Amino acid sequence: MAVPNDRRIVYGTHVVPQIAFDTSSTEVTREEGSTAGIASYEDWKLDTTIAKRFGGKSTGDHVQITHDQSTDLWTSMNRLWGSDEIWEAVASVWEEDTGVTTVNDSLSVIRSGSDGIKFLYIKNLGTVECELALEGDERDILIPGGAAVSMMTSSSSVTSATVKVATAASSSTTTTIEYAIAK
């Protein structure tokens, strides 16, 4: 009999490319002669050039992460349990600042260690753009203010020590990010 996987991450994306268009008059004339409604306004519709939506959910076993752990260190949300407690058996509330950090223009590792990473989520909570490096110091992904990135990764090449985040080089600015990193 197969051993069940008791730790997994199910995630999905949904992208709808849109273009703006001006509507025709939606104004109506009432019996007494007054008008109601809006003469015209800008609305949004599916981009006719692309003409489709993109997205999907992880499938099958989703992202299988290391199981049989008595702590929640499989994510970056570090909540240590007592030595005789199993994380499933204890009700607890995450601390508000868990998984949140401030980054500057120097590439910084956001989680120490050499564990292979299986899933990564980073959201830029600030307004200053930040950049993500997955291997080495080459800044691979730009994360605008308010945007987020999530991905399944190859644990053989992306490790805790190689995931680095910074604002634009030599910008002397900072931003705050929220993250979850699962091994």
N, C-alpha and C. Protein backbone atom coordinates (compact mmCIF):
# COMPACT_ATOMS: atom_id res chain seq x y z
N MET A 1 0.84 -1.17 0.00
CA MET A 1 0.00 0.00 0.00
C MET A 1 0.89 1.24 0.00
N ALA A 2 0.50 2.24 -0.77
CA ALA A 2 1.28 3.48 -0.86
C ALA A 2 1.16 4.29 0.43
N VAL A 3 2.23 4.99 0.76
CA VAL A 3 2.25 5.86 1.93
C VAL A 3 1.65 7.21 1.52
N PRO A 4 0.64 7.70 2.22
CA PRO A 4 0.04 8.98 1.83
C PRO A 4 0.99 10.14 2.09
N ASN A 5 0.90 11.13 1.25
CA ASN A 5 1.67 12.36 1.44
C ASN A 5 0.83 13.28 2.32
N ASP A 6 1.33 13.63 3.48
CA ASP A 6 0.53 14.42 4.41
C ASP A 6 0.88 15.90 4.43
N ARG A 7 1.77 16.35 3.56
CA ARG A 7 2.07 17.77 3.45
C ARG A 7 2.06 18.12 1.97
N ARG A 8 1.20 19.03 1.59
CA ARG A 8 1.18 19.47 0.20
C ARG A 8 0.66 20.89 0.11
N ILE A 9 1.00 21.52 -0.99
CA ILE A 9 0.54 22.87 -1.25
C ILE A 9 -0.25 22.84 -2.55
N VAL A 10 -1.48 23.31 -2.51
CA VAL A 10 -2.32 23.43 -3.69
C VAL A 10 -2.36 24.92 -4.02
N TYR A 11 -2.01 25.27 -5.24
CA TYR A 11 -2.03 26.68 -5.60
C TYR A 11 -2.55 26.85 -7.02
N GLY A 12 -2.95 28.05 -7.35
CA GLY A 12 -3.47 28.31 -8.68
C GLY A 12 -3.27 29.76 -9.09
N THR A 13 -3.46 30.00 -10.37
CA THR A 13 -3.36 31.36 -10.91
C THR A 13 -4.54 31.60 -11.84
N HIS A 14 -4.88 32.84 -12.03
CA HIS A 14 -5.95 33.21 -12.94
C HIS A 14 -5.61 34.58 -13.51
N VAL A 15 -5.45 34.65 -14.83
CA VAL A 15 -5.08 35.89 -15.50
C VAL A 15 -6.10 36.18 -16.58
N VAL A 16 -6.64 37.39 -16.58
CA VAL A 16 -7.59 37.80 -17.61
C VAL A 16 -7.03 39.07 -18.27
N PRO A 17 -6.44 38.94 -19.48
CA PRO A 17 -5.95 40.14 -20.18
C PRO A 17 -7.14 41.00 -20.59
N GLN A 18 -7.11 42.27 -20.21
CA GLN A 18 -8.25 43.15 -20.49
C GLN A 18 -7.81 44.40 -21.22
N ILE A 19 -8.76 44.98 -21.96
CA ILE A 19 -8.55 46.28 -22.59
C ILE A 19 -9.71 47.18 -22.20
N ALA A 20 -9.43 48.47 -22.18
CA ALA A 20 -10.47 49.45 -21.84
C ALA A 20 -11.23 49.82 -23.11
N PHE A 21 -12.51 50.14 -22.94
CA PHE A 21 -13.31 50.63 -24.05
C PHE A 21 -14.33 51.62 -23.51
N ASP A 22 -14.72 52.54 -24.36
CA ASP A 22 -15.73 53.52 -23.98
C ASP A 22 -17.11 52.97 -24.31
N THR A 23 -18.04 53.11 -23.39
CA THR A 23 -19.40 52.63 -23.62
C THR A 23 -20.19 53.70 -24.34
N SER A 24 -21.25 53.28 -24.98
CA SER A 24 -22.16 54.26 -25.56
C SER A 24 -23.06 54.78 -24.45
N SER A 25 -23.88 55.71 -24.75
CA SER A 25 -24.72 56.33 -23.73
C SER A 25 -25.60 55.31 -23.03
N THR A 26 -25.60 55.36 -21.71
CA THR A 26 -26.50 54.52 -20.91
C THR A 26 -27.53 55.41 -20.22
N GLU A 27 -27.64 56.62 -20.70
CA GLU A 27 -28.55 57.59 -20.12
C GLU A 27 -29.99 57.27 -20.51
N VAL A 28 -30.92 57.41 -19.57
CA VAL A 28 -32.34 57.23 -19.85
C VAL A 28 -33.07 58.52 -19.52
N THR A 29 -34.15 58.78 -20.24
CA THR A 29 -34.96 59.98 -19.99
C THR A 29 -36.21 59.56 -19.24
N ARG A 30 -36.45 60.21 -18.13
CA ARG A 30 -37.62 59.90 -17.31
C ARG A 30 -38.85 60.59 -17.90
N GLU A 31 -40.05 60.21 -17.39
CA GLU A 31 -41.30 60.79 -17.88
C GLU A 31 -41.35 62.30 -17.75
N GLU A 32 -40.78 62.83 -16.65
CA GLU A 32 -40.85 64.28 -16.44
C GLU A 32 -39.75 65.02 -17.22
N GLY A 33 -38.91 64.29 -17.97
CA GLY A 33 -37.92 64.94 -18.82
C GLY A 33 -36.50 64.95 -18.26
N SER A 34 -36.33 64.58 -16.99
CA SER A 34 -34.96 64.54 -16.45
C SER A 34 -34.27 63.26 -16.93
N THR A 35 -32.95 63.26 -16.81
CA THR A 35 -32.19 62.09 -17.25
C THR A 35 -31.54 61.40 -16.05
N ALA A 36 -31.28 60.13 -16.21
CA ALA A 36 -30.62 59.34 -15.19
C ALA A 36 -29.61 58.42 -15.87
N GLY A 37 -28.58 58.09 -15.16
CA GLY A 37 -27.56 57.21 -15.72
C GLY A 37 -26.31 58.00 -16.05
N ILE A 38 -25.45 57.36 -16.78
CA ILE A 38 -24.17 57.97 -17.14
C ILE A 38 -24.13 58.06 -18.66
N ALA A 39 -23.75 59.23 -19.17
CA ALA A 39 -23.71 59.42 -20.61
C ALA A 39 -22.72 58.45 -21.27
N SER A 40 -21.55 58.31 -20.72
CA SER A 40 -20.59 57.32 -21.22
C SER A 40 -19.54 57.12 -20.14
N TYR A 41 -18.90 56.01 -20.17
CA TYR A 41 -17.86 55.73 -19.19
C TYR A 41 -16.90 54.69 -19.75
N GLU A 42 -15.78 54.52 -19.08
CA GLU A 42 -14.80 53.53 -19.51
C GLU A 42 -15.10 52.21 -18.81
N ASP A 43 -15.08 51.13 -19.58
CA ASP A 43 -15.32 49.80 -19.04
C ASP A 43 -14.20 48.88 -19.52
N TRP A 44 -14.21 47.65 -19.04
CA TRP A 44 -13.15 46.70 -19.39
C TRP A 44 -13.76 45.46 -20.00
N LYS A 45 -13.04 44.86 -20.97
CA LYS A 45 -13.47 43.60 -21.57
C LYS A 45 -12.24 42.76 -21.89
N LEU A 46 -12.47 41.51 -22.21
CA LEU A 46 -11.39 40.59 -22.57
C LEU A 46 -10.64 41.14 -23.78
N ASP A 47 -9.34 41.19 -23.70
CA ASP A 47 -8.50 41.67 -24.80
C ASP A 47 -8.77 40.82 -26.04
N THR A 48 -9.24 41.44 -27.12
CA THR A 48 -9.61 40.70 -28.32
C THR A 48 -8.39 40.19 -29.10
N THR A 49 -7.22 40.75 -28.87
CA THR A 49 -6.01 40.26 -29.53
C THR A 49 -5.60 38.91 -28.96
N ILE A 50 -5.63 38.80 -27.64
CA ILE A 50 -5.26 37.55 -26.97
C ILE A 50 -6.44 36.60 -26.98
N ALA A 51 -7.60 37.12 -26.70
CA ALA A 51 -8.89 36.41 -26.80
C ALA A 51 -9.01 35.15 -25.95
N LYS A 52 -8.30 35.08 -24.85
CA LYS A 52 -8.50 33.95 -23.94
C LYS A 52 -7.98 34.30 -22.56
N ARG A 53 -8.42 33.50 -21.60
CA ARG A 53 -7.97 33.63 -20.22
C ARG A 53 -6.86 32.61 -20.00
N PHE A 54 -6.02 32.90 -19.02
CA PHE A 54 -4.94 31.99 -18.67
C PHE A 54 -5.08 31.59 -17.21
N GLY A 55 -4.60 30.44 -16.87
CA GLY A 55 -4.61 30.04 -15.47
C GLY A 55 -4.69 28.56 -15.31
N GLY A 56 -4.69 28.18 -14.08
CA GLY A 56 -4.78 26.77 -13.76
C GLY A 56 -4.46 26.53 -12.31
N LYS A 57 -4.65 25.30 -11.91
CA LYS A 57 -4.33 24.87 -10.55
C LYS A 57 -3.30 23.78 -10.63
N SER A 58 -2.54 23.66 -9.58
CA SER A 58 -1.62 22.53 -9.52
C SER A 58 -2.46 21.27 -9.55
N THR A 59 -1.93 20.21 -10.10
CA THR A 59 -2.73 19.00 -10.27
C THR A 59 -2.05 17.80 -9.63
N GLY A 60 -2.77 16.70 -9.61
CA GLY A 60 -2.22 15.45 -9.08
C GLY A 60 -1.87 15.57 -7.62
N ASP A 61 -0.61 15.32 -7.30
CA ASP A 61 -0.17 15.40 -5.92
C ASP A 61 0.21 16.81 -5.50
N HIS A 62 0.04 17.78 -6.39
CA HIS A 62 0.35 19.17 -6.12
C HIS A 62 1.83 19.30 -5.75
N VAL A 63 2.18 20.18 -4.86
CA VAL A 63 3.58 20.32 -4.44
C VAL A 63 3.74 19.52 -3.16
N GLN A 64 4.41 18.39 -3.25
CA GLN A 64 4.63 17.55 -2.08
C GLN A 64 5.82 18.09 -1.30
N ILE A 65 5.62 18.34 -0.04
CA ILE A 65 6.71 18.87 0.78
C ILE A 65 7.08 17.86 1.85
N THR A 66 8.24 18.04 2.43
CA THR A 66 8.76 17.11 3.41
C THR A 66 7.72 16.88 4.51
N HIS A 67 7.47 15.63 4.83
CA HIS A 67 6.41 15.31 5.80
C HIS A 67 6.99 14.71 7.07
N ASP A 68 6.11 14.34 7.96
CA ASP A 68 6.48 13.74 9.25
C ASP A 68 7.39 14.66 10.07
N GLN A 69 7.00 15.90 10.19
CA GLN A 69 7.79 16.86 10.97
C GLN A 69 7.01 17.26 12.21
N SER A 70 7.69 17.42 13.30
CA SER A 70 7.01 17.81 14.54
C SER A 70 7.02 19.32 14.74
N THR A 71 7.55 20.05 13.76
CA THR A 71 7.50 21.52 13.79
C THR A 71 6.97 21.99 12.46
N ASP A 72 6.72 23.26 12.35
CA ASP A 72 6.27 23.80 11.07
C ASP A 72 7.41 24.46 10.31
N LEU A 73 8.62 24.02 10.52
CA LEU A 73 9.77 24.60 9.85
C LEU A 73 9.82 24.27 8.36
N TRP A 74 8.85 23.52 7.86
CA TRP A 74 8.76 23.27 6.43
C TRP A 74 8.30 24.53 5.69
N THR A 75 7.87 25.54 6.42
CA THR A 75 7.58 26.84 5.80
C THR A 75 8.44 27.89 6.49
N SER A 76 8.38 29.10 5.97
CA SER A 76 9.11 30.20 6.59
C SER A 76 8.37 30.77 7.78
N MET A 77 7.17 30.29 8.07
CA MET A 77 6.38 30.76 9.20
C MET A 77 6.83 30.00 10.44
N ASN A 78 7.84 30.49 11.10
CA ASN A 78 8.50 29.76 12.17
C ASN A 78 7.73 29.80 13.48
N ARG A 79 6.92 28.81 13.71
CA ARG A 79 6.21 28.65 14.98
C ARG A 79 6.67 27.33 15.56
N LEU A 80 7.46 27.37 16.60
CA LEU A 80 7.98 26.14 17.20
C LEU A 80 6.96 25.56 18.16
N TRP A 81 6.78 24.26 18.09
CA TRP A 81 5.88 23.57 18.99
C TRP A 81 6.69 22.98 20.13
N GLY A 82 6.03 22.66 21.22
CA GLY A 82 6.71 22.00 22.33
C GLY A 82 7.22 20.64 21.88
N SER A 83 8.21 20.11 22.55
CA SER A 83 8.85 18.87 22.11
C SER A 83 7.90 17.68 22.04
N ASP A 84 6.84 17.67 22.84
CA ASP A 84 5.93 16.54 22.81
C ASP A 84 4.64 16.82 22.04
N GLU A 85 4.57 17.99 21.39
CA GLU A 85 3.38 18.36 20.64
C GLU A 85 3.59 18.12 19.15
N ILE A 86 2.60 17.65 18.47
CA ILE A 86 2.64 17.51 17.02
C ILE A 86 1.82 18.65 16.45
N TRP A 87 2.32 19.26 15.38
CA TRP A 87 1.69 20.50 14.90
C TRP A 87 0.23 20.34 14.55
N GLU A 88 -0.22 19.16 14.13
CA GLU A 88 -1.63 18.98 13.80
C GLU A 88 -2.52 18.98 15.04
N ALA A 89 -1.96 18.67 16.20
CA ALA A 89 -2.75 18.47 17.41
C ALA A 89 -2.93 19.74 18.24
N VAL A 90 -2.29 20.83 17.86
CA VAL A 90 -2.33 22.04 18.68
C VAL A 90 -2.94 23.18 17.89
N ALA A 91 -3.98 23.80 18.43
CA ALA A 91 -4.56 24.98 17.79
C ALA A 91 -3.72 26.19 18.17
N SER A 92 -3.35 26.98 17.19
CA SER A 92 -2.51 28.14 17.46
C SER A 92 -2.77 29.20 16.42
N VAL A 93 -2.51 30.44 16.76
CA VAL A 93 -2.66 31.55 15.82
C VAL A 93 -1.27 32.01 15.40
N TRP A 94 -1.06 32.20 14.10
CA TRP A 94 0.23 32.69 13.63
C TRP A 94 0.44 34.11 14.11
N GLU A 95 1.66 34.45 14.43
CA GLU A 95 1.97 35.82 14.81
C GLU A 95 1.89 36.70 13.57
N GLU A 96 1.46 37.95 13.75
CA GLU A 96 1.23 38.83 12.62
C GLU A 96 2.48 39.09 11.79
N ASP A 97 3.64 39.19 12.40
CA ASP A 97 4.83 39.56 11.64
C ASP A 97 5.57 38.35 11.08
N THR A 98 5.05 37.16 11.23
CA THR A 98 5.72 35.98 10.72
C THR A 98 5.73 36.01 9.19
N GLY A 99 6.90 35.78 8.59
CA GLY A 99 7.01 35.77 7.14
C GLY A 99 7.00 37.14 6.50
N VAL A 100 7.27 38.19 7.27
CA VAL A 100 7.31 39.54 6.73
C VAL A 100 8.68 40.13 7.05
N THR A 101 9.31 40.76 6.05
CA THR A 101 10.61 41.37 6.28
C THR A 101 10.79 42.59 5.39
N THR A 102 11.71 43.45 5.76
CA THR A 102 12.04 44.63 4.97
C THR A 102 13.31 44.34 4.19
N VAL A 103 13.33 44.72 2.91
CA VAL A 103 14.52 44.53 2.08
C VAL A 103 15.00 45.88 1.57
N ASN A 104 16.32 45.97 1.33
CA ASN A 104 16.90 47.19 0.77
C ASN A 104 17.51 46.86 -0.59
N ASP A 105 18.42 47.72 -1.08
CA ASP A 105 18.96 47.52 -2.42
C ASP A 105 20.10 46.50 -2.49
N SER A 106 20.41 45.85 -1.39
CA SER A 106 21.43 44.82 -1.36
C SER A 106 20.75 43.45 -1.36
N LEU A 107 21.07 42.58 -2.32
CA LEU A 107 20.46 41.25 -2.37
C LEU A 107 20.67 40.54 -1.04
N SER A 108 19.59 40.10 -0.42
CA SER A 108 19.66 39.46 0.88
C SER A 108 18.90 38.15 0.87
N VAL A 109 19.47 37.13 1.51
CA VAL A 109 18.79 35.85 1.68
C VAL A 109 17.66 36.09 2.69
N ILE A 110 16.46 35.63 2.38
CA ILE A 110 15.34 35.86 3.31
C ILE A 110 15.09 34.68 4.22
N ARG A 111 15.73 33.54 3.93
CA ARG A 111 15.62 32.39 4.82
C ARG A 111 16.96 31.65 4.79
N SER A 112 17.58 31.54 5.92
CA SER A 112 18.90 30.89 5.97
C SER A 112 18.76 29.38 5.84
N GLY A 113 19.86 28.74 5.53
CA GLY A 113 19.88 27.29 5.42
C GLY A 113 20.24 26.84 4.02
N SER A 114 20.35 25.54 3.86
CA SER A 114 20.72 24.99 2.56
C SER A 114 19.67 24.01 2.05
N ASP A 115 18.48 24.03 2.65
CA ASP A 115 17.41 23.13 2.24
C ASP A 115 16.96 23.43 0.82
N GLY A 116 16.65 22.39 0.07
CA GLY A 116 16.07 22.57 -1.25
C GLY A 116 14.66 23.12 -1.13
N ILE A 117 14.31 24.08 -1.95
CA ILE A 117 13.00 24.73 -1.90
C ILE A 117 12.06 24.06 -2.90
N LYS A 118 10.85 23.74 -2.46
CA LYS A 118 9.86 23.14 -3.34
C LYS A 118 8.76 24.11 -3.74
N PHE A 119 8.52 25.13 -2.90
CA PHE A 119 7.49 26.13 -3.21
C PHE A 119 7.92 27.47 -2.66
N LEU A 120 7.63 28.53 -3.43
CA LEU A 120 8.04 29.88 -3.05
C LEU A 120 6.90 30.85 -3.35
N TYR A 121 6.58 31.71 -2.39
CA TYR A 121 5.58 32.77 -2.56
C TYR A 121 6.17 34.03 -1.97
N ILE A 122 6.18 35.11 -2.75
CA ILE A 122 6.66 36.40 -2.25
C ILE A 122 5.69 37.47 -2.74
N LYS A 123 5.21 38.32 -1.80
CA LYS A 123 4.34 39.44 -2.13
C LYS A 123 5.02 40.72 -1.69
N ASN A 124 5.08 41.70 -2.58
CA ASN A 124 5.64 43.01 -2.27
C ASN A 124 4.53 43.84 -1.63
N LEU A 125 4.64 44.09 -0.34
CA LEU A 125 3.62 44.85 0.39
C LEU A 125 3.80 46.35 0.23
N GLY A 126 4.96 46.78 -0.23
CA GLY A 126 5.26 48.20 -0.38
C GLY A 126 4.91 48.73 -1.76
N THR A 127 5.42 49.95 -2.05
CA THR A 127 5.18 50.57 -3.34
C THR A 127 6.43 50.59 -4.21
N VAL A 128 7.58 50.29 -3.61
CA VAL A 128 8.85 50.27 -4.33
C VAL A 128 9.05 48.88 -4.95
N GLU A 129 9.41 48.83 -6.24
CA GLU A 129 9.65 47.55 -6.90
C GLU A 129 10.78 46.79 -6.22
N CYS A 130 10.65 45.47 -6.17
CA CYS A 130 11.75 44.65 -5.67
C CYS A 130 12.08 43.59 -6.71
N GLU A 131 13.24 42.97 -6.55
CA GLU A 131 13.73 42.00 -7.51
C GLU A 131 14.08 40.71 -6.79
N LEU A 132 13.85 39.59 -7.46
CA LEU A 132 14.07 38.28 -6.89
C LEU A 132 15.17 37.57 -7.67
N ALA A 133 16.14 37.04 -6.96
CA ALA A 133 17.19 36.20 -7.55
C ALA A 133 17.02 34.80 -7.01
N LEU A 134 17.01 33.81 -7.90
CA LEU A 134 16.79 32.43 -7.48
C LEU A 134 18.08 31.62 -7.41
N GLU A 135 19.04 31.93 -8.26
CA GLU A 135 20.32 31.23 -8.27
C GLU A 135 21.40 32.27 -8.53
N GLY A 136 22.33 32.42 -7.62
CA GLY A 136 23.38 33.43 -7.78
C GLY A 136 22.85 34.82 -7.52
N ASP A 137 23.50 35.82 -8.10
CA ASP A 137 23.11 37.21 -7.85
C ASP A 137 22.43 37.87 -9.05
N GLU A 138 22.06 37.08 -10.05
CA GLU A 138 21.33 37.64 -11.19
C GLU A 138 19.88 37.83 -10.79
N ARG A 139 19.41 39.04 -10.92
CA ARG A 139 18.03 39.38 -10.53
C ARG A 139 17.08 38.92 -11.63
N ASP A 140 16.36 37.83 -11.36
CA ASP A 140 15.56 37.16 -12.38
C ASP A 140 14.15 37.73 -12.56
N ILE A 141 13.50 38.10 -11.47
CA ILE A 141 12.07 38.45 -11.52
C ILE A 141 11.84 39.79 -10.84
N LEU A 142 11.13 40.69 -11.52
CA LEU A 142 10.74 41.99 -10.97
C LEU A 142 9.37 41.84 -10.32
N ILE A 143 9.23 42.31 -9.08
CA ILE A 143 7.96 42.25 -8.37
C ILE A 143 7.52 43.68 -8.05
N PRO A 144 6.59 44.25 -8.83
CA PRO A 144 6.12 45.61 -8.57
C PRO A 144 5.40 45.72 -7.22
N GLY A 145 5.24 46.94 -6.74
CA GLY A 145 4.52 47.16 -5.49
C GLY A 145 3.12 46.58 -5.57
N GLY A 146 2.72 45.83 -4.55
CA GLY A 146 1.39 45.22 -4.50
C GLY A 146 1.27 43.91 -5.25
N ALA A 147 2.30 43.53 -6.01
CA ALA A 147 2.25 42.29 -6.80
C ALA A 147 2.85 41.13 -6.01
N ALA A 148 2.61 39.93 -6.51
CA ALA A 148 3.14 38.72 -5.86
C ALA A 148 3.59 37.74 -6.92
N VAL A 149 4.47 36.84 -6.51
CA VAL A 149 4.92 35.76 -7.38
C VAL A 149 4.89 34.47 -6.56
N SER A 150 4.43 33.39 -7.18
CA SER A 150 4.46 32.09 -6.51
C SER A 150 4.89 31.06 -7.54
N MET A 151 5.63 30.07 -7.08
CA MET A 151 6.11 29.06 -8.02
C MET A 151 6.50 27.77 -7.32
N MET A 152 6.39 26.71 -8.06
CA MET A 152 6.94 25.44 -7.69
C MET A 152 8.38 25.47 -8.20
N THR A 153 9.34 25.02 -7.40
CA THR A 153 10.73 25.11 -7.83
C THR A 153 11.39 23.74 -7.80
N SER A 154 12.55 23.67 -8.39
CA SER A 154 13.34 22.44 -8.39
C SER A 154 14.24 22.48 -7.16
N SER A 155 14.01 21.58 -6.23
CA SER A 155 14.76 21.63 -4.98
C SER A 155 16.23 21.32 -5.16
N SER A 156 16.63 20.81 -6.32
CA SER A 156 18.05 20.53 -6.52
C SER A 156 18.84 21.79 -6.87
N SER A 157 18.19 22.79 -7.46
CA SER A 157 18.93 23.99 -7.85
C SER A 157 18.56 25.24 -7.06
N VAL A 158 17.39 25.29 -6.49
CA VAL A 158 16.96 26.45 -5.71
C VAL A 158 16.94 26.04 -4.24
N THR A 159 17.75 26.70 -3.43
CA THR A 159 17.83 26.38 -2.01
C THR A 159 17.54 27.63 -1.19
N SER A 160 17.39 27.45 0.11
CA SER A 160 17.16 28.60 1.00
C SER A 160 18.24 29.65 0.83
N ALA A 161 19.48 29.23 0.64
CA ALA A 161 20.61 30.16 0.52
C ALA A 161 20.65 30.89 -0.81
N THR A 162 19.92 30.41 -1.83
CA THR A 162 19.98 31.07 -3.14
C THR A 162 18.81 31.99 -3.41
N VAL A 163 17.75 31.94 -2.60
CA VAL A 163 16.60 32.82 -2.79
C VAL A 163 16.92 34.15 -2.14
N LYS A 164 17.08 35.20 -2.97
CA LYS A 164 17.46 36.52 -2.47
C LYS A 164 16.52 37.57 -3.03
N VAL A 165 16.27 38.62 -2.24
CA VAL A 165 15.38 39.70 -2.65
C VAL A 165 16.04 41.03 -2.34
N ALA A 166 15.81 42.03 -3.22
CA ALA A 166 16.32 43.39 -3.02
C ALA A 166 15.46 44.36 -3.81
N THR A 167 15.56 45.63 -3.46
CA THR A 167 14.98 46.67 -4.31
C THR A 167 15.98 46.90 -5.45
N ALA A 168 15.67 47.80 -6.36
CA ALA A 168 16.56 48.04 -7.50
C ALA A 168 17.97 48.41 -7.03
N ALA A 169 18.98 47.90 -7.73
CA ALA A 169 20.38 48.14 -7.36
C ALA A 169 20.67 49.63 -7.28
N SER A 170 21.38 50.03 -6.26
CA SER A 170 21.81 51.42 -6.03
C SER A 170 20.65 52.40 -5.90
N SER A 171 19.49 51.93 -5.46
CA SER A 171 18.33 52.83 -5.35
C SER A 171 18.21 53.46 -3.97
N SER A 172 18.89 52.91 -2.98
CA SER A 172 18.81 53.40 -1.59
C SER A 172 17.38 53.45 -1.08
N THR A 173 16.55 52.53 -1.52
CA THR A 173 15.16 52.47 -1.07
C THR A 173 14.91 51.14 -0.37
N THR A 174 13.80 51.06 0.33
CA THR A 174 13.41 49.82 1.00
C THR A 174 11.95 49.50 0.66
N THR A 175 11.58 48.25 0.83
CA THR A 175 10.20 47.83 0.71
C THR A 175 9.98 46.67 1.66
N THR A 176 8.75 46.34 1.91
CA THR A 176 8.40 45.24 2.80
C THR A 176 7.81 44.11 1.97
N ILE A 177 8.24 42.89 2.25
CA ILE A 177 7.70 41.73 1.56
C ILE A 177 7.12 40.74 2.54
N GLU A 178 6.17 39.96 2.06
CA GLU A 178 5.58 38.86 2.80
C GLU A 178 5.97 37.60 2.03
N TYR A 179 6.34 36.53 2.72
CA TYR A 179 6.79 35.35 1.99
C TYR A 179 6.45 34.06 2.71
N ALA A 180 6.38 33.00 1.91
CA ALA A 180 6.28 31.63 2.41
C ALA A 180 7.20 30.79 1.55
N ILE A 181 8.09 30.07 2.20
CA ILE A 181 9.04 29.22 1.50
C ILE A 181 8.91 27.82 2.10
N ALA A 182 8.58 26.85 1.27
CA ALA A 182 8.40 25.49 1.77
C ALA A 182 9.45 24.57 1.18
N LYS A 183 9.99 23.70 2.04
CA LYS A 183 11.01 22.75 1.57
C LYS A 183 10.43 21.37 1.40
